[in-house]
Amino acid sequence: MKTISNERNKQLQESFNRSKMMELFGAEITGIGEGYFEITVAKQEFMARPAGMFNGSTIATLVDVSSGYAGASAKPEDSYFTTVELKVNYLNPAFGEQLVAKAQVVKNGKVLTVVRSDVFSITNKGEETLAATSLVTLMQLSKKAPDKQID
């Protein structure tokens, strides 16, 4: 994984820390690189289905957010993206105590960027299961985010 500049890393972290959704999820960044972004969340009651697995909306949210930041991390400057298409394949029930979303840019275009995001469920014993995989298409709307933010 190629590293990004300290300034760019700081911009991405500050933007992530402003996200009310990620604050609600108690999410933390567990990996940043050029075209790569990783988010980890611990299970909370609102994230779980009655049977105990993570619900699909939690997984889809992590796919969307991790993909957006992976796309932003592939650009050398502050950029503003919107999701054009998001396709999630739920592969296995997401039993476990944590979810980890690992997003990697597949194609970094001038306007459209394609990202693959894999979401893993992690048990207390450290067992990792691929719960979902996805492809996300992002559109870069401008070189600068509104108010110079990466939201």
Protein backbone atom coordinates (compact mmCIF):
# COMPACT_ATOMS: atom_id res chain seq x y z
CA MET A 1 0.00 0.00 0.00
CA LYS A 2 1.42 3.36 -1.04
CA THR A 3 1.42 5.99 1.66
CA ILE A 4 -0.08 9.43 1.26
CA SER A 5 1.31 12.75 2.43
CA ASN A 6 0.94 13.68 6.08
CA GLU A 7 -1.15 16.68 5.05
CA ARG A 8 -3.55 14.54 3.00
CA ASN A 9 -3.74 11.96 5.78
CA LYS A 10 -4.64 14.71 8.25
CA GLN A 11 -7.33 16.10 5.89
CA LEU A 12 -8.96 12.69 5.55
CA GLN A 13 -8.85 12.02 9.29
CA GLU A 14 -10.31 15.42 10.13
CA SER A 15 -13.12 14.93 7.61
CA PHE A 16 -13.87 11.45 8.97
CA ASN A 17 -13.93 12.82 12.53
CA ARG A 18 -16.58 15.40 11.49
CA SER A 19 -18.95 12.64 10.31
CA LYS A 20 -21.93 12.41 12.65
CA MET A 21 -22.78 8.98 11.19
CA MET A 22 -19.33 7.60 11.92
CA GLU A 23 -19.50 9.14 15.40
CA LEU A 24 -22.84 7.35 15.99
CA PHE A 25 -21.26 4.09 14.80
CA GLY A 26 -18.23 4.59 17.06
CA ALA A 27 -16.15 4.00 13.93
CA GLU A 28 -12.42 4.36 13.74
CA ILE A 29 -9.98 4.53 10.88
CA THR A 30 -7.73 1.47 10.96
CA GLY A 31 -5.92 1.98 7.67
CA ILE A 32 -5.19 4.74 5.14
CA GLY A 33 -3.08 4.56 2.02
CA GLU A 34 -3.20 5.86 -1.53
CA GLY A 35 -6.50 4.51 -2.85
CA TYR A 36 -7.11 2.50 0.34
CA PHE A 37 -9.27 3.15 3.38
CA GLU A 38 -10.21 0.88 6.26
CA ILE A 39 -12.88 1.41 8.91
CA THR A 40 -13.58 -0.71 12.01
CA VAL A 41 -16.73 -0.64 14.16
CA ALA A 42 -17.70 -2.56 17.28
CA LYS A 43 -21.21 -4.00 17.42
CA GLN A 44 -23.87 -1.84 19.04
CA GLU A 45 -27.46 -2.87 19.70
CA PHE A 46 -28.90 -0.81 16.81
CA MET A 47 -26.52 -2.53 14.36
CA ALA A 48 -27.73 -6.06 15.13
CA ARG A 49 -30.61 -8.14 13.86
CA PRO A 50 -32.60 -10.17 16.43
CA ALA A 51 -30.52 -13.28 15.59
CA GLY A 52 -27.35 -11.38 16.60
CA MET A 53 -25.67 -10.71 13.26
CA PHE A 54 -24.91 -7.22 11.96
CA ASN A 55 -27.75 -5.84 9.83
CA GLY A 56 -27.43 -5.02 6.15
CA SER A 57 -27.82 -1.27 6.59
CA THR A 58 -24.75 -1.14 8.81
CA ILE A 59 -22.74 -3.07 6.24
CA ALA A 60 -23.99 -0.88 3.36
CA THR A 61 -23.12 2.28 5.30
CA LEU A 62 -19.57 1.06 5.89
CA VAL A 63 -19.26 0.14 2.20
CA ASP A 64 -20.37 3.62 1.12
CA VAL A 65 -18.21 5.55 3.57
CA SER A 66 -15.06 3.44 3.17
CA SER A 67 -15.37 3.62 -0.63
CA GLY A 68 -15.79 7.40 -0.62
CA TYR A 69 -12.70 7.88 1.49
CA ALA A 70 -10.71 5.37 -0.57
CA GLY A 71 -11.60 7.43 -3.66
CA ALA A 72 -10.62 10.65 -1.91
CA SER A 73 -7.33 9.13 -0.74
CA ALA A 74 -6.43 8.36 -4.36
CA LYS A 75 -6.51 12.07 -5.21
CA PRO A 76 -3.59 14.31 -4.26
CA GLU A 77 -5.86 17.26 -3.47
CA ASP A 78 -9.07 17.84 -1.55
CA SER A 79 -11.90 16.41 -3.66
CA TYR A 80 -15.66 16.14 -3.44
CA PHE A 81 -17.34 12.86 -4.46
CA THR A 82 -20.84 11.48 -4.68
CA THR A 83 -21.88 7.85 -5.01
CA VAL A 84 -23.26 7.02 -8.46
CA GLU A 85 -23.78 3.30 -7.99
CA LEU A 86 -23.41 0.94 -5.06
CA LYS A 87 -23.75 -2.84 -5.43
CA VAL A 88 -23.43 -5.02 -2.34
CA ASN A 89 -23.31 -8.81 -2.34
CA TYR A 90 -24.04 -10.15 1.14
CA LEU A 91 -22.05 -13.39 1.23
CA ASN A 92 -22.26 -14.67 4.81
CA PRO A 93 -24.14 -13.75 7.98
CA ALA A 94 -22.06 -11.14 9.77
CA PHE A 95 -21.81 -12.79 13.18
CA GLY A 96 -19.10 -11.32 15.35
CA GLU A 97 -18.28 -8.40 17.57
CA GLN A 98 -16.70 -6.11 14.97
CA LEU A 99 -16.99 -5.21 11.31
CA VAL A 100 -14.01 -4.12 9.23
CA ALA A 101 -14.55 -2.47 5.84
CA LYS A 102 -11.50 -2.54 3.54
CA ALA A 103 -11.92 -0.36 0.46
CA GLN A 104 -9.46 -0.31 -2.45
CA VAL A 105 -9.65 1.83 -5.61
CA VAL A 106 -9.87 -0.35 -8.72
CA LYS A 107 -9.95 2.48 -11.30
CA ASN A 108 -9.08 6.09 -10.50
CA GLY A 109 -10.50 8.14 -13.37
CA LYS A 110 -10.75 11.87 -13.93
CA VAL A 111 -14.49 11.89 -13.23
CA LEU A 112 -15.49 8.34 -12.26
CA THR A 113 -13.69 6.21 -9.72
CA VAL A 114 -14.50 2.54 -9.06
CA VAL A 115 -13.84 1.06 -5.63
CA ARG A 116 -14.10 -2.46 -4.26
CA SER A 117 -15.02 -2.69 -0.60
CA ASP A 118 -14.93 -5.94 1.37
CA VAL A 119 -16.59 -6.13 4.78
CA PHE A 120 -15.40 -8.72 7.28
CA SER A 121 -17.02 -9.76 10.54
CA ILE A 122 -14.57 -10.44 13.36
CA THR A 123 -15.29 -12.62 16.39
CA ASN A 124 -13.80 -12.20 19.85
CA LYS A 125 -11.44 -15.06 18.98
CA GLY A 126 -10.14 -13.08 15.99
CA GLU A 127 -11.89 -15.26 13.40
CA GLU A 128 -12.53 -13.27 10.24
CA THR A 129 -15.38 -14.00 7.81
CA LEU A 130 -16.02 -12.18 4.54
CA ALA A 131 -19.57 -10.93 5.10
CA ALA A 132 -20.00 -8.78 1.98
CA THR A 133 -18.21 -7.55 -1.10
CA SER A 134 -19.14 -4.59 -3.21
CA LEU A 135 -18.36 -2.39 -6.16
CA VAL A 136 -18.98 1.32 -5.81
CA THR A 137 -18.80 3.94 -8.54
CA LEU A 138 -18.04 7.47 -7.38
CA MET A 139 -18.22 10.71 -9.34
CA GLN A 140 -15.81 13.52 -8.58
CA LEU A 141 -17.91 16.67 -8.60
CA SER A 142 -15.14 19.18 -8.03
CA LYS A 143 -11.52 19.52 -7.08
CA LYS A 144 -12.51 21.15 -3.81
CA ALA A 145 -15.18 20.06 -1.41
CA PRO A 146 -17.69 22.64 -0.23
CA ASP A 147 -16.04 24.81 2.39
CA LYS A 148 -12.76 23.00 1.57
CA GLN A 149 -13.89 19.82 3.34
CA ILE A 150 -13.76 16.21 2.19
CA ASP A 151 -17.31 15.37 3.24
